[in-house]
Protein backbone atom coordinates (compact mmCIF):
# COMPACT_ATOMS: atom_id res chain seq x y z
CA MET A 1 -23.79 -22.22 57.65
CA PRO A 2 -24.91 -25.70 56.50
CA ALA A 3 -22.81 -27.79 54.16
CA VAL A 4 -23.53 -30.55 51.66
CA VAL A 5 -21.22 -33.54 51.25
CA ALA A 6 -20.92 -34.99 47.74
CA ASP A 7 -19.12 -38.15 46.68
CA THR A 8 -17.37 -38.59 43.34
CA HIS A 9 -20.43 -39.81 41.44
CA ALA A 10 -22.63 -37.03 42.74
CA ILE A 11 -20.18 -34.26 41.93
CA VAL A 12 -19.38 -35.68 38.47
CA TRP A 13 -23.06 -36.04 37.64
CA TYR A 14 -23.74 -32.54 38.97
CA LEU A 15 -20.91 -30.94 36.99
CA THR A 16 -21.93 -32.74 33.79
CA ASN A 17 -25.68 -32.16 34.27
CA SER A 18 -26.27 -35.90 34.14
CA PRO A 19 -29.80 -37.26 34.50
CA ARG A 20 -28.27 -39.97 36.70
CA LEU A 21 -28.16 -37.51 39.63
CA SER A 22 -31.36 -37.74 41.63
CA PRO A 23 -33.60 -34.67 41.71
CA ALA A 24 -33.16 -34.44 45.50
CA ALA A 25 -29.35 -34.47 45.24
CA ALA A 26 -29.40 -31.93 42.40
CA GLN A 27 -31.65 -29.67 44.45
CA ALA A 28 -29.43 -29.94 47.54
CA LEU A 29 -26.35 -29.02 45.49
CA ASP A 30 -28.18 -26.20 43.69
CA ASP A 31 -29.47 -24.81 46.98
CA ALA A 32 -26.02 -24.94 48.62
CA SER A 33 -24.43 -23.29 45.62
CA ALA A 34 -27.07 -20.54 45.44
CA ALA A 35 -26.80 -19.83 49.17
CA GLY A 36 -23.01 -19.78 49.13
CA ASP A 37 -22.87 -22.76 51.47
CA SER A 38 -20.00 -25.23 51.31
CA ILE A 39 -20.14 -28.32 49.15
CA LEU A 40 -17.67 -30.69 50.79
CA ILE A 41 -15.91 -33.14 48.51
CA PRO A 42 -13.50 -35.83 49.73
CA SER A 43 -9.94 -35.27 48.50
CA ILE A 44 -9.91 -38.69 46.84
CA SER A 45 -12.68 -37.47 44.53
CA LEU A 46 -10.20 -35.22 42.72
CA VAL A 47 -7.94 -38.23 42.19
CA GLU A 48 -10.87 -40.33 40.97
CA LEU A 49 -12.07 -37.52 38.70
CA THR A 50 -8.59 -37.12 37.21
CA TYR A 51 -8.48 -40.88 36.54
CA LEU A 52 -11.91 -40.80 34.88
CA VAL A 53 -10.85 -37.89 32.65
CA GLU A 54 -7.63 -39.68 31.67
CA LYS A 55 -9.62 -42.80 30.76
CA GLY A 56 -12.04 -40.73 28.67
CA ARG A 57 -15.03 -41.64 30.83
CA VAL A 58 -15.72 -38.07 31.97
CA PRO A 59 -15.22 -34.83 30.03
CA ALA A 60 -12.16 -32.82 31.11
CA GLU A 61 -14.45 -29.83 31.62
CA ALA A 62 -15.93 -31.48 34.73
CA ARG A 63 -12.52 -31.58 36.44
CA LYS A 64 -11.75 -28.02 35.32
CA ARG A 65 -15.02 -26.79 36.81
CA LEU A 66 -14.35 -28.55 40.11
CA VAL A 67 -10.87 -27.07 40.43
CA LYS A 68 -12.05 -23.63 39.28
CA HIS A 69 -14.75 -23.42 41.95
CA SER A 70 -12.64 -24.76 44.82
CA PRO A 71 -11.39 -21.89 47.00
CA ASN A 72 -7.57 -21.79 47.17
CA ARG A 73 -7.22 -25.56 47.41
CA ALA A 74 -7.98 -28.56 45.24
CA VAL A 75 -10.98 -29.78 47.21
CA HIS A 76 -12.45 -29.65 50.68
CA THR A 77 -11.90 -32.75 52.73
CA SER A 78 -14.76 -34.19 54.69
CA TRP A 79 -12.61 -36.41 56.92
CA ARG A 80 -13.47 -34.37 60.02
CA LEU A 81 -17.18 -34.82 59.34
CA TRP A 82 -16.86 -38.58 59.30
CA THR A 83 -14.48 -38.98 62.22
CA GLY A 84 -15.75 -36.18 64.43
CA ALA A 85 -12.12 -35.00 64.78
C-alpha cells in the first residue's frame, strides 16, 4: 500500500482547498485519499498547524479536519521514512 508524505504547507493548503497547492500535489493527495492509502504527516505539522490557527493565519476548521481524519492518534510520523529506521 503506497503512502504520500505531506509537509505542513501541503496539508494546510489541501485542507483549505487553497490554489497555492500544485495540481500534482493535490492529485497525489486526492488519489491517496480515494484509494484509502496513508497520507503521512510529520508530528510537528500538528504543532505548526495549531500555532497558525492561534495566530489567525489558518481557519480552525483545517486543524479540526486533520485531527478528525487521523486514525486513533494526532498524526502519523514520517520519521522512519526519512531515517530508514
